[in-house]
Amino acid sequence: MTLSWIIFFASAVALVAPLPAFYSRKRRFRTLHALEIERRNGSRWVMVTHILRFAGHWIELARGLLASFGMLATIDVLQPVSPFFATHAAWARFVLPLSLAILCVSLIALLFRYPGKSLAPIPFLTATLLVLLPLPVSIPALLLALAWAAAIRSLAAFFLALPPSLALLGLFLDRQLWPSLAGAVLALVPSAIAFARHTEFVIPVRRPASGG
């Protein structure tokens, strides 16, 4: 097995691994509204640091970036030597890694065990979209979804605004529509599972559960 195939399979495994589903119960999981209430009792900077100091967010961001880059780079290398990639390179280069990311966020949603809660995989989802979709599509869509979530103080709003934004921007700005459609499905899966299970989105913060 060549180095390119090893990197390909390693990137595929990393892209699928639902690591956030196994976060320790010692962490606190907060809705955006709850964080806003805590901010009123402290400061906005304190609220932000509680989020940013949680190492899992940075690990998920790095995992999404590196695994997506690894998939793209190896698909390009394997295209001349693999009959599958040579025939379906335009499709495989984007939809294959996005399909693995869809499997990942599905497993995160299904395996996360916290009554009435769904973990919002925003760092991982953001990283994969930035790598696997054209930046003129992914950046405006992500900014719009973040702005809407902040405006109405709801993590669910992020996942509701992102899919149509990706699909519409992809329709008008990208010559190939299927990557944006696959990205829209990726963004839709967490909210669809949360709706089906009647759960609300939360994000982990650094402080231990005994903190309140």
N, C-alpha and C. Protein backbone atom coordinates (compact mmCIF):
# COMPACT_ATOMS: atom_id res chain seq x y z
N MET A 1 0.85 -1.20 0.00
CA MET A 1 0.00 0.00 0.00
C MET A 1 0.88 1.25 0.00
N THR A 2 0.61 2.17 -0.92
CA THR A 2 1.42 3.37 -1.04
C THR A 2 1.07 4.36 0.06
N LEU A 3 1.95 5.34 0.24
CA LEU A 3 1.74 6.37 1.25
C LEU A 3 0.43 7.13 0.99
N SER A 4 0.11 7.37 -0.29
CA SER A 4 -1.11 8.10 -0.62
C SER A 4 -2.35 7.36 -0.14
N TRP A 5 -2.36 6.04 -0.31
CA TRP A 5 -3.50 5.25 0.16
C TRP A 5 -3.57 5.26 1.68
N ILE A 6 -2.43 5.20 2.34
CA ILE A 6 -2.42 5.24 3.80
C ILE A 6 -3.00 6.56 4.30
N ILE A 7 -2.56 7.66 3.69
CA ILE A 7 -3.09 8.98 4.08
C ILE A 7 -4.58 9.07 3.78
N PHE A 8 -4.98 8.49 2.65
CA PHE A 8 -6.40 8.51 2.27
C PHE A 8 -7.26 7.81 3.32
N PHE A 9 -6.88 6.60 3.69
CA PHE A 9 -7.67 5.85 4.67
C PHE A 9 -7.60 6.48 6.06
N ALA A 10 -6.42 6.99 6.43
CA ALA A 10 -6.29 7.66 7.73
C ALA A 10 -7.17 8.91 7.78
N SER A 11 -7.20 9.66 6.69
CA SER A 11 -8.05 10.86 6.63
C SER A 11 -9.52 10.48 6.68
N ALA A 12 -9.88 9.39 6.01
CA ALA A 12 -11.27 8.94 6.02
C ALA A 12 -11.71 8.54 7.43
N VAL A 13 -10.85 7.81 8.12
CA VAL A 13 -11.17 7.41 9.50
C VAL A 13 -11.29 8.63 10.40
N ALA A 14 -10.34 9.57 10.26
CA ALA A 14 -10.38 10.79 11.07
C ALA A 14 -11.62 11.62 10.78
N LEU A 15 -12.05 11.61 9.53
CA LEU A 15 -13.22 12.40 9.15
C LEU A 15 -14.51 11.80 9.71
N VAL A 16 -14.54 10.50 9.91
CA VAL A 16 -15.74 9.82 10.39
C VAL A 16 -15.80 9.74 11.91
N ALA A 17 -14.65 9.72 12.57
CA ALA A 17 -14.61 9.48 14.02
C ALA A 17 -15.46 10.48 14.79
N PRO A 18 -16.50 10.03 15.51
CA PRO A 18 -17.40 10.94 16.23
C PRO A 18 -16.89 11.29 17.62
N LEU A 19 -15.71 11.88 17.71
CA LEU A 19 -15.07 12.13 19.00
C LEU A 19 -15.93 12.95 19.97
N PRO A 20 -16.63 13.99 19.52
CA PRO A 20 -17.40 14.79 20.49
C PRO A 20 -18.52 14.02 21.19
N ALA A 21 -18.94 12.92 20.60
CA ALA A 21 -20.01 12.14 21.23
C ALA A 21 -19.57 11.56 22.57
N PHE A 22 -18.26 11.52 22.80
CA PHE A 22 -17.74 10.88 24.01
C PHE A 22 -17.11 11.88 24.98
N TYR A 23 -17.49 13.15 24.86
CA TYR A 23 -17.00 14.13 25.82
C TYR A 23 -17.43 13.75 27.23
N SER A 24 -16.56 14.03 28.18
CA SER A 24 -16.82 13.67 29.57
C SER A 24 -18.03 14.43 30.12
N ARG A 25 -18.77 13.76 30.97
CA ARG A 25 -19.89 14.40 31.65
C ARG A 25 -19.42 15.45 32.66
N LYS A 26 -18.11 15.49 32.93
CA LYS A 26 -17.59 16.50 33.84
C LYS A 26 -17.61 17.89 33.21
N ARG A 27 -17.80 17.93 31.90
CA ARG A 27 -17.90 19.22 31.22
C ARG A 27 -19.31 19.78 31.39
N ARG A 28 -19.41 21.09 31.23
CA ARG A 28 -20.72 21.72 31.22
C ARG A 28 -21.16 21.89 29.78
N PHE A 29 -22.43 21.64 29.53
CA PHE A 29 -23.00 21.81 28.20
C PHE A 29 -24.08 22.87 28.29
N ARG A 30 -23.93 23.92 27.49
CA ARG A 30 -24.77 25.09 27.60
C ARG A 30 -25.44 25.43 26.28
N THR A 31 -26.69 25.85 26.34
CA THR A 31 -27.35 26.43 25.18
C THR A 31 -26.83 27.85 24.99
N LEU A 32 -27.07 28.41 23.83
CA LEU A 32 -26.64 29.78 23.58
C LEU A 32 -27.39 30.76 24.48
N HIS A 33 -28.64 30.47 24.75
CA HIS A 33 -29.43 31.32 25.64
C HIS A 33 -28.87 31.28 27.06
N ALA A 34 -28.50 30.09 27.53
CA ALA A 34 -27.93 29.98 28.87
C ALA A 34 -26.61 30.73 28.98
N LEU A 35 -25.80 30.67 27.93
CA LEU A 35 -24.54 31.43 27.93
C LEU A 35 -24.80 32.93 27.96
N GLU A 36 -25.87 33.36 27.29
CA GLU A 36 -26.20 34.78 27.30
C GLU A 36 -26.63 35.23 28.69
N ILE A 37 -27.36 34.38 29.40
CA ILE A 37 -27.75 34.71 30.78
C ILE A 37 -26.51 34.81 31.66
N GLU A 38 -25.57 33.86 31.50
CA GLU A 38 -24.34 33.91 32.28
C GLU A 38 -23.53 35.16 31.96
N ARG A 39 -23.58 35.59 30.68
CA ARG A 39 -22.85 36.80 30.31
C ARG A 39 -23.37 38.02 31.05
N ARG A 40 -24.67 38.08 31.25
CA ARG A 40 -25.24 39.22 31.96
C ARG A 40 -24.76 39.27 33.40
N ASN A 41 -24.43 38.10 33.94
CA ASN A 41 -23.93 38.06 35.31
C ASN A 41 -22.41 38.25 35.39
N GLY A 42 -21.76 38.28 34.24
CA GLY A 42 -20.31 38.48 34.21
C GLY A 42 -19.94 39.46 33.14
N SER A 43 -19.33 38.96 32.07
CA SER A 43 -18.99 39.81 30.94
C SER A 43 -18.97 38.97 29.69
N ARG A 44 -19.05 39.64 28.55
CA ARG A 44 -19.02 38.92 27.28
C ARG A 44 -17.70 38.18 27.10
N TRP A 45 -16.59 38.80 27.51
CA TRP A 45 -15.29 38.16 27.36
C TRP A 45 -15.20 36.89 28.19
N VAL A 46 -15.76 36.91 29.39
CA VAL A 46 -15.76 35.70 30.22
C VAL A 46 -16.53 34.59 29.54
N MET A 47 -17.66 34.93 28.95
CA MET A 47 -18.47 33.93 28.26
C MET A 47 -17.69 33.33 27.08
N VAL A 48 -17.02 34.20 26.31
CA VAL A 48 -16.27 33.73 25.16
C VAL A 48 -15.10 32.85 25.58
N THR A 49 -14.41 33.23 26.63
CA THR A 49 -13.26 32.42 27.08
C THR A 49 -13.69 31.06 27.58
N HIS A 50 -14.87 30.98 28.18
CA HIS A 50 -15.37 29.67 28.62
C HIS A 50 -15.51 28.72 27.44
N ILE A 51 -15.86 29.27 26.28
CA ILE A 51 -16.00 28.45 25.08
C ILE A 51 -14.65 28.15 24.46
N LEU A 52 -13.83 29.20 24.28
CA LEU A 52 -12.58 29.04 23.57
C LEU A 52 -11.55 28.21 24.34
N ARG A 53 -11.67 28.19 25.67
CA ARG A 53 -10.70 27.44 26.46
C ARG A 53 -11.02 25.95 26.52
N PHE A 54 -12.10 25.55 25.90
CA PHE A 54 -12.39 24.12 25.82
C PHE A 54 -11.61 23.53 24.65
N ALA A 55 -10.64 22.66 24.95
CA ALA A 55 -9.72 22.16 23.93
C ALA A 55 -10.43 21.37 22.83
N GLY A 56 -11.55 20.77 23.17
CA GLY A 56 -12.26 19.97 22.18
C GLY A 56 -12.66 20.75 20.95
N HIS A 57 -12.99 22.03 21.10
CA HIS A 57 -13.36 22.84 19.94
C HIS A 57 -12.20 22.95 18.95
N TRP A 58 -11.00 23.16 19.49
CA TRP A 58 -9.82 23.31 18.64
C TRP A 58 -9.42 21.97 18.02
N ILE A 59 -9.60 20.89 18.76
CA ILE A 59 -9.32 19.57 18.21
C ILE A 59 -10.27 19.25 17.05
N GLU A 60 -11.54 19.58 17.23
CA GLU A 60 -12.51 19.34 16.16
C GLU A 60 -12.23 20.20 14.93
N LEU A 61 -11.82 21.44 15.17
CA LEU A 61 -11.48 22.31 14.06
C LEU A 61 -10.28 21.75 13.29
N ALA A 62 -9.25 21.34 14.02
CA ALA A 62 -8.06 20.78 13.38
C ALA A 62 -8.39 19.46 12.69
N ARG A 63 -9.20 18.64 13.32
CA ARG A 63 -9.56 17.34 12.72
C ARG A 63 -10.30 17.55 11.39
N GLY A 64 -11.25 18.46 11.39
CA GLY A 64 -11.99 18.72 10.16
C GLY A 64 -11.10 19.26 9.06
N LEU A 65 -10.20 20.19 9.41
CA LEU A 65 -9.31 20.78 8.42
C LEU A 65 -8.34 19.76 7.85
N LEU A 66 -7.62 19.05 8.75
CA LEU A 66 -6.58 18.12 8.31
C LEU A 66 -7.16 16.92 7.56
N ALA A 67 -8.25 16.37 8.08
CA ALA A 67 -8.84 15.20 7.42
C ALA A 67 -9.39 15.58 6.05
N SER A 68 -10.01 16.75 5.95
CA SER A 68 -10.55 17.18 4.65
C SER A 68 -9.43 17.45 3.66
N PHE A 69 -8.39 18.15 4.10
CA PHE A 69 -7.24 18.39 3.23
C PHE A 69 -6.60 17.07 2.80
N GLY A 70 -6.49 16.12 3.75
CA GLY A 70 -5.89 14.83 3.41
C GLY A 70 -6.69 14.08 2.37
N MET A 71 -8.02 14.12 2.48
CA MET A 71 -8.86 13.46 1.49
C MET A 71 -8.70 14.10 0.12
N LEU A 72 -8.76 15.43 0.06
CA LEU A 72 -8.64 16.11 -1.22
C LEU A 72 -7.29 15.86 -1.87
N ALA A 73 -6.22 15.96 -1.08
CA ALA A 73 -4.88 15.79 -1.64
C ALA A 73 -4.67 14.38 -2.18
N THR A 74 -5.15 13.39 -1.46
CA THR A 74 -4.91 12.01 -1.90
C THR A 74 -5.82 11.63 -3.06
N ILE A 75 -7.04 12.15 -3.10
CA ILE A 75 -7.90 11.87 -4.25
C ILE A 75 -7.26 12.42 -5.53
N ASP A 76 -6.67 13.60 -5.43
CA ASP A 76 -5.98 14.17 -6.60
C ASP A 76 -4.81 13.29 -7.04
N VAL A 77 -4.07 12.76 -6.07
CA VAL A 77 -2.92 11.92 -6.39
C VAL A 77 -3.36 10.56 -6.94
N LEU A 78 -4.44 10.01 -6.38
CA LEU A 78 -4.89 8.68 -6.77
C LEU A 78 -5.69 8.67 -8.07
N GLN A 79 -6.10 9.84 -8.51
CA GLN A 79 -6.93 9.91 -9.71
C GLN A 79 -6.30 9.21 -10.91
N PRO A 80 -5.00 9.40 -11.21
CA PRO A 80 -4.43 8.74 -12.39
C PRO A 80 -4.26 7.23 -12.23
N VAL A 81 -4.21 6.72 -10.99
CA VAL A 81 -3.89 5.31 -10.79
C VAL A 81 -5.09 4.48 -10.35
N SER A 82 -6.20 5.12 -10.00
CA SER A 82 -7.37 4.39 -9.54
C SER A 82 -8.49 4.52 -10.57
N PRO A 83 -9.03 3.41 -11.07
CA PRO A 83 -10.12 3.49 -12.05
C PRO A 83 -11.33 4.26 -11.51
N PHE A 84 -11.63 4.07 -10.21
CA PHE A 84 -12.79 4.76 -9.64
C PHE A 84 -12.58 6.27 -9.63
N PHE A 85 -11.44 6.69 -9.08
CA PHE A 85 -11.19 8.12 -8.98
C PHE A 85 -10.97 8.77 -10.35
N ALA A 86 -10.39 8.00 -11.28
CA ALA A 86 -10.19 8.54 -12.62
C ALA A 86 -11.52 8.79 -13.32
N THR A 87 -12.50 7.92 -13.06
CA THR A 87 -13.80 8.04 -13.71
C THR A 87 -14.71 9.04 -13.02
N HIS A 88 -14.61 9.09 -11.70
CA HIS A 88 -15.54 9.90 -10.92
C HIS A 88 -14.83 10.99 -10.13
N ALA A 89 -13.72 11.51 -10.64
CA ALA A 89 -12.90 12.44 -9.86
C ALA A 89 -13.67 13.70 -9.48
N ALA A 90 -14.42 14.28 -10.41
CA ALA A 90 -15.13 15.52 -10.14
C ALA A 90 -16.15 15.33 -9.02
N TRP A 91 -16.78 14.17 -8.98
CA TRP A 91 -17.76 13.87 -7.93
C TRP A 91 -17.06 13.47 -6.64
N ALA A 92 -16.09 12.58 -6.76
CA ALA A 92 -15.46 12.02 -5.56
C ALA A 92 -14.68 13.07 -4.79
N ARG A 93 -14.11 14.03 -5.47
CA ARG A 93 -13.23 14.99 -4.80
C ARG A 93 -13.96 15.79 -3.73
N PHE A 94 -15.26 15.99 -3.88
CA PHE A 94 -15.99 16.78 -2.90
C PHE A 94 -17.06 15.95 -2.18
N VAL A 95 -17.83 15.20 -2.94
CA VAL A 95 -18.97 14.51 -2.34
C VAL A 95 -18.54 13.36 -1.45
N LEU A 96 -17.46 12.66 -1.81
CA LEU A 96 -17.00 11.55 -0.98
C LEU A 96 -16.60 12.02 0.43
N PRO A 97 -15.71 13.01 0.57
CA PRO A 97 -15.40 13.46 1.94
C PRO A 97 -16.59 14.10 2.64
N LEU A 98 -17.45 14.81 1.91
CA LEU A 98 -18.64 15.38 2.54
C LEU A 98 -19.58 14.28 3.03
N SER A 99 -19.65 13.18 2.30
CA SER A 99 -20.48 12.05 2.74
C SER A 99 -19.93 11.45 4.03
N LEU A 100 -18.61 11.36 4.13
CA LEU A 100 -18.01 10.87 5.37
C LEU A 100 -18.28 11.84 6.52
N ALA A 101 -18.24 13.14 6.24
CA ALA A 101 -18.55 14.12 7.28
C ALA A 101 -20.01 14.02 7.71
N ILE A 102 -20.90 13.73 6.77
CA ILE A 102 -22.31 13.54 7.11
C ILE A 102 -22.46 12.35 8.05
N LEU A 103 -21.73 11.27 7.76
CA LEU A 103 -21.76 10.10 8.65
C LEU A 103 -21.26 10.48 10.03
N CYS A 104 -20.22 11.31 10.08
CA CYS A 104 -19.65 11.72 11.37
C CYS A 104 -20.66 12.50 12.21
N VAL A 105 -21.28 13.53 11.64
CA VAL A 105 -22.22 14.34 12.43
C VAL A 105 -23.45 13.52 12.81
N SER A 106 -23.80 12.54 11.97
CA SER A 106 -24.92 11.66 12.33
C SER A 106 -24.56 10.82 13.55
N LEU A 107 -23.35 10.27 13.56
CA LEU A 107 -22.92 9.45 14.70
C LEU A 107 -22.80 10.30 15.96
N ILE A 108 -22.30 11.54 15.82
CA ILE A 108 -22.23 12.43 16.98
C ILE A 108 -23.60 12.63 17.58
N ALA A 109 -24.58 12.91 16.73
CA ALA A 109 -25.94 13.16 17.20
C ALA A 109 -26.56 11.92 17.84
N LEU A 110 -26.29 10.76 17.27
CA LEU A 110 -26.93 9.54 17.76
C LEU A 110 -26.23 8.95 18.99
N LEU A 111 -24.93 9.19 19.13
CA LEU A 111 -24.17 8.59 20.22
C LEU A 111 -24.02 9.50 21.43
N PHE A 112 -24.27 10.79 21.26
CA PHE A 112 -24.14 11.72 22.38
C PHE A 112 -25.24 11.44 23.41
N ARG A 113 -24.83 11.08 24.61
CA ARG A 113 -25.78 10.67 25.64
C ARG A 113 -25.90 11.73 26.72
N TYR A 114 -26.85 12.60 26.53
CA TYR A 114 -27.13 13.64 27.52
C TYR A 114 -28.61 13.94 27.40
N PRO A 115 -29.40 13.67 28.44
CA PRO A 115 -30.86 13.75 28.31
C PRO A 115 -31.34 15.09 27.76
N GLY A 116 -32.11 15.03 26.67
CA GLY A 116 -32.73 16.22 26.12
C GLY A 116 -31.78 17.16 25.38
N LYS A 117 -30.52 16.74 25.17
CA LYS A 117 -29.52 17.62 24.56
C LYS A 117 -28.94 16.99 23.29
N SER A 118 -28.58 17.85 22.36
CA SER A 118 -27.81 17.45 21.17
C SER A 118 -26.58 18.33 21.08
N LEU A 119 -25.44 17.71 20.86
CA LEU A 119 -24.21 18.46 20.76
C LEU A 119 -24.13 19.15 19.39
N ALA A 120 -23.84 20.44 19.39
CA ALA A 120 -23.73 21.20 18.15
C ALA A 120 -22.31 21.08 17.61
N PRO A 121 -22.10 20.34 16.51
CA PRO A 121 -20.73 20.12 15.99
C PRO A 121 -20.27 21.27 15.11
N ILE A 122 -20.35 22.49 15.60
CA ILE A 122 -20.06 23.66 14.77
C ILE A 122 -18.60 23.74 14.35
N PRO A 123 -17.61 23.51 15.23
CA PRO A 123 -16.21 23.60 14.77
C PRO A 123 -15.88 22.61 13.65
N PHE A 124 -16.30 21.36 13.81
CA PHE A 124 -16.03 20.35 12.80
C PHE A 124 -16.74 20.68 11.50
N LEU A 125 -17.99 21.04 11.59
CA LEU A 125 -18.76 21.35 10.39
C LEU A 125 -18.18 22.56 9.66
N THR A 126 -17.79 23.58 10.42
CA THR A 126 -17.20 24.77 9.83
C THR A 126 -15.91 24.44 9.09
N ALA A 127 -15.05 23.63 9.71
CA ALA A 127 -13.77 23.28 9.10
C ALA A 127 -13.96 22.51 7.80
N THR A 128 -14.85 21.54 7.80
CA THR A 128 -15.05 20.73 6.60
C THR A 128 -15.65 21.56 5.46
N LEU A 129 -16.57 22.44 5.78
CA LEU A 129 -17.18 23.27 4.74
C LEU A 129 -16.17 24.24 4.14
N LEU A 130 -15.29 24.79 4.96
CA LEU A 130 -14.30 25.73 4.46
C LEU A 130 -13.31 25.06 3.51
N VAL A 131 -13.03 23.78 3.74
CA VAL A 131 -12.08 23.07 2.88
C VAL A 131 -12.77 22.48 1.66
N LEU A 132 -13.95 21.91 1.84
CA LEU A 132 -14.56 21.09 0.80
C LEU A 132 -15.49 21.87 -0.12
N LEU A 133 -15.83 23.09 0.22
CA LEU A 133 -16.66 23.92 -0.65
C LEU A 133 -15.88 25.15 -1.08
N PRO A 134 -16.22 25.76 -2.20
CA PRO A 134 -15.56 27.00 -2.58
C PRO A 134 -15.76 28.07 -1.51
N LEU A 135 -14.71 28.81 -1.21
CA LEU A 135 -14.79 29.83 -0.16
C LEU A 135 -15.87 30.89 -0.43
N PRO A 136 -16.11 31.30 -1.69
CA PRO A 136 -17.20 32.26 -1.92
C PRO A 136 -18.57 31.72 -1.58
N VAL A 137 -18.68 30.39 -1.45
CA VAL A 137 -19.94 29.78 -1.02
C VAL A 137 -19.95 29.57 0.49
N SER A 138 -18.91 28.97 1.03
CA SER A 138 -18.91 28.56 2.43
C SER A 138 -18.81 29.74 3.39
N ILE A 139 -17.96 30.72 3.10
CA ILE A 139 -17.76 31.83 4.05
C ILE A 139 -19.02 32.67 4.23
N PRO A 140 -19.67 33.15 3.15
CA PRO A 140 -20.90 33.92 3.38
C PRO A 140 -22.00 33.11 4.06
N ALA A 141 -22.11 31.83 3.70
CA ALA A 141 -23.14 30.99 4.32
C ALA A 141 -22.89 30.82 5.81
N LEU A 142 -21.64 30.58 6.19
CA LEU A 142 -21.30 30.42 7.61
C LEU A 142 -21.51 31.72 8.38
N LEU A 143 -21.12 32.83 7.81
CA LEU A 143 -21.30 34.12 8.48
C LEU A 143 -22.78 34.44 8.66
N LEU A 144 -23.58 34.15 7.65
CA LEU A 144 -25.02 34.39 7.76
C LEU A 144 -25.63 33.52 8.85
N ALA A 145 -25.25 32.24 8.88
CA ALA A 145 -25.79 31.33 9.90
C ALA A 145 -25.35 31.75 11.30
N LEU A 146 -24.09 32.15 11.46
CA LEU A 146 -23.62 32.61 12.77
C LEU A 146 -24.33 33.88 13.20
N ALA A 147 -24.54 34.80 12.26
CA ALA A 147 -25.23 36.06 12.59
C ALA A 147 -26.66 35.80 13.02
N TRP A 148 -27.34 34.90 12.34
CA TRP A 148 -28.72 34.60 12.70
C TRP A 148 -28.78 33.91 14.07
N ALA A 149 -27.85 32.98 14.30
CA ALA A 149 -27.83 32.30 15.60
C ALA A 149 -27.58 33.29 16.73
N ALA A 150 -26.66 34.24 16.52
CA ALA A 150 -26.38 35.24 17.54
C ALA A 150 -27.55 36.19 17.73
N ALA A 151 -28.24 36.51 16.64
CA ALA A 151 -29.33 37.47 16.72
C ALA A 151 -30.51 36.94 17.54
N ILE A 152 -30.83 35.67 17.37
CA ILE A 152 -31.97 35.13 18.10
C ILE A 152 -31.54 34.21 19.25
N ARG A 153 -30.23 34.17 19.49
CA ARG A 153 -29.67 33.43 20.63
C ARG A 153 -30.10 31.96 20.62
N SER A 154 -29.87 31.32 19.48
CA SER A 154 -30.27 29.92 19.34
C SER A 154 -29.28 29.19 18.45
N LEU A 155 -28.71 28.11 18.97
CA LEU A 155 -27.81 27.29 18.16
C LEU A 155 -28.55 26.60 17.03
N ALA A 156 -29.83 26.29 17.27
CA ALA A 156 -30.61 25.64 16.22
C ALA A 156 -30.72 26.52 14.98
N ALA A 157 -30.73 27.85 15.18
CA ALA A 157 -30.83 28.77 14.05
C ALA A 157 -29.64 28.62 13.12
N PHE A 158 -28.48 28.33 13.67
CA PHE A 158 -27.29 28.13 12.84
C PHE A 158 -27.51 27.00 11.85
N PHE A 159 -28.04 25.88 12.34
CA PHE A 159 -28.22 24.71 11.49
C PHE A 159 -29.44 24.85 10.57
N LEU A 160 -30.35 25.74 10.90
CA LEU A 160 -31.50 25.97 10.02
C LEU A 160 -31.17 26.95 8.90
N ALA A 161 -30.32 27.93 9.20
CA ALA A 161 -29.97 28.93 8.18
C ALA A 161 -28.91 28.43 7.22
N LEU A 162 -28.04 27.56 7.67
CA LEU A 162 -26.89 27.15 6.86
C LEU A 162 -27.26 26.34 5.61
N PRO A 163 -28.14 25.32 5.69
CA PRO A 163 -28.41 24.52 4.49
C PRO A 163 -28.96 25.33 3.31
N PRO A 164 -30.02 26.14 3.49
CA PRO A 164 -30.50 26.90 2.32
C PRO A 164 -29.48 27.92 1.83
N SER A 165 -28.68 28.48 2.73
CA SER A 165 -27.66 29.44 2.31
C SER A 165 -26.63 28.77 1.41
N LEU A 166 -26.18 27.57 1.81
CA LEU A 166 -25.21 26.84 1.00
C LEU A 166 -25.79 26.46 -0.36
N ALA A 167 -27.02 25.97 -0.35
CA ALA A 167 -27.64 25.54 -1.60
C ALA A 167 -27.83 26.71 -2.56
N LEU A 168 -28.32 27.84 -2.05
CA LEU A 168 -28.59 28.99 -2.92
C LEU A 168 -27.29 29.62 -3.43
N LEU A 169 -26.31 29.77 -2.54
CA LEU A 169 -25.03 30.33 -2.98
C LEU A 169 -24.33 29.40 -3.97
N GLY A 170 -24.42 28.10 -3.73
CA GLY A 170 -23.84 27.15 -4.67
C GLY A 170 -24.52 27.20 -6.02
N LEU A 171 -25.82 27.40 -6.02
CA LEU A 171 -26.57 27.48 -7.27
C LEU A 171 -26.11 28.66 -8.13
N PHE A 172 -25.85 29.78 -7.48
CA PHE A 172 -25.52 31.00 -8.22
C PHE A 172 -24.01 31.22 -8.42
N LEU A 173 -23.18 30.64 -7.53
CA LEU A 173 -21.76 30.97 -7.57
C LEU A 173 -20.85 29.82 -7.98
N ASP A 174 -21.36 28.60 -7.99
CA ASP A 174 -20.51 27.45 -8.28
C ASP A 174 -21.00 26.74 -9.54
N ARG A 175 -20.10 26.41 -10.43
CA ARG A 175 -20.48 25.72 -11.66
C ARG A 175 -20.98 24.31 -11.38
N GLN A 176 -20.47 23.70 -10.31
CA GLN A 176 -20.90 22.36 -9.93
C GLN A 176 -21.77 22.45 -8.69
N LEU A 177 -23.03 22.07 -8.84
CA LEU A 177 -23.97 22.28 -7.75
C LEU A 177 -23.87 21.21 -6.67
N TRP A 178 -23.46 19.97 -7.05
CA TRP A 178 -23.55 18.87 -6.06
C TRP A 178 -22.66 19.06 -4.83
N PRO A 179 -21.48 19.69 -4.91
CA PRO A 179 -20.76 19.91 -3.64
C PRO A 179 -21.55 20.76 -2.65
N SER A 180 -22.20 21.83 -3.13
CA SER A 180 -22.98 22.67 -2.24
C SER A 180 -24.21 21.94 -1.72
N LEU A 181 -24.81 21.10 -2.54
CA LEU A 181 -25.95 20.31 -2.07
C LEU A 181 -25.52 19.30 -1.01
N ALA A 182 -24.36 18.67 -1.22
CA ALA A 182 -23.84 17.75 -0.20
C ALA A 182 -23.51 18.50 1.08
N GLY A 183 -22.95 19.72 0.95
CA GLY A 183 -22.69 20.54 2.13
C GLY A 183 -23.97 20.93 2.83
N ALA A 184 -25.02 21.21 2.07
CA ALA A 184 -26.31 21.55 2.67
C ALA A 184 -26.89 20.37 3.46
N VAL A 185 -26.73 19.16 2.91
CA VAL A 185 -27.18 17.97 3.63
C VAL A 185 -26.39 17.80 4.93
N LEU A 186 -25.07 18.01 4.84
CA LEU A 186 -24.22 17.94 6.04
C LEU A 186 -24.70 18.90 7.11
N ALA A 187 -25.04 20.13 6.72
CA ALA A 187 -25.50 21.12 7.69
C ALA A 187 -26.89 20.81 8.22
N LEU A 188 -27.69 20.11 7.42
CA LEU A 188 -29.07 19.82 7.82
C LEU A 188 -29.19 18.64 8.77
N VAL A 189 -28.28 17.68 8.66
CA VAL A 189 -28.40 16.44 9.43
C VAL A 189 -28.50 16.67 10.94
N PRO A 190 -27.65 17.50 11.57
CA PRO A 190 -27.76 17.67 13.03
C PRO A 190 -29.12 18.18 13.46
N SER A 191 -29.67 19.18 12.76
CA SER A 191 -30.98 19.71 13.17
C SER A 191 -32.09 18.72 12.90
N ALA A 192 -31.97 17.94 11.83
CA ALA A 192 -33.00 16.94 11.54
C ALA A 192 -33.05 15.88 12.63
N ILE A 193 -31.89 15.42 13.08
CA ILE A 193 -31.86 14.41 14.15
C ILE A 193 -32.32 15.02 15.47
N ALA A 194 -31.90 16.26 15.76
CA ALA A 194 -32.34 16.92 16.99
C ALA A 194 -33.85 17.10 17.00
N PHE A 195 -34.42 17.48 15.87
CA PHE A 195 -35.87 17.65 15.78
C PHE A 195 -36.59 16.32 15.99
N ALA A 196 -36.07 15.26 15.36
CA ALA A 196 -36.70 13.95 15.48
C ALA A 196 -36.64 13.43 16.91
N ARG A 197 -35.58 13.80 17.65
CA ARG A 197 -35.41 13.29 19.02
C ARG A 197 -35.88 14.30 20.07
N HIS A 198 -36.39 15.44 19.62
CA HIS A 198 -36.92 16.48 20.52
C HIS A 198 -35.85 16.93 21.53
N THR A 199 -34.69 17.25 21.00
CA THR A 199 -33.59 17.72 21.85
C THR A 199 -33.17 19.13 21.44
N GLU A 200 -32.46 19.83 22.33
CA GLU A 200 -31.97 21.17 22.02
C GLU A 200 -30.44 21.14 21.93
N PHE A 201 -29.91 22.04 21.12
CA PHE A 201 -28.47 22.07 20.89
C PHE A 201 -27.73 22.72 22.06
N VAL A 202 -26.57 22.13 22.37
CA VAL A 202 -25.70 22.68 23.42
C VAL A 202 -24.27 22.66 22.91
N ILE A 203 -23.43 23.49 23.54
CA ILE A 203 -21.99 23.46 23.27
C ILE A 203 -21.27 23.26 24.59
N PRO A 204 -20.15 22.55 24.58
CA PRO A 204 -19.40 22.33 25.82
C PRO A 204 -18.54 23.54 26.17
N VAL A 205 -18.40 23.79 27.45
CA VAL A 205 -17.53 24.84 27.94
C VAL A 205 -16.53 24.23 28.91
N ARG A 206 -15.51 24.96 29.25
CA ARG A 206 -14.38 24.39 29.97
C ARG A 206 -14.68 24.10 31.44
N ARG A 207 -15.54 24.90 32.04
CA ARG A 207 -15.76 24.74 33.48
C ARG A 207 -16.36 23.40 33.83
N PRO A 208 -15.98 22.79 34.96
CA PRO A 208 -16.52 21.50 35.35
C PRO A 208 -17.98 21.60 35.76
N ALA A 209 -18.67 20.48 35.73
CA ALA A 209 -20.10 20.46 36.07
C ALA A 209 -20.36 20.92 37.49
N SER A 210 -19.40 20.71 38.39
CA SER A 210 -19.59 21.11 39.79
C SER A 210 -19.62 22.63 39.95
N GLY A 211 -19.27 23.35 38.84
CA GLY A 211 -19.27 24.81 38.91
C GLY A 211 -20.63 25.42 38.90
N GLY A 212 -21.68 24.62 38.67
CA GLY A 212 -23.04 25.15 38.73
C GLY A 212 -23.86 24.72 37.55
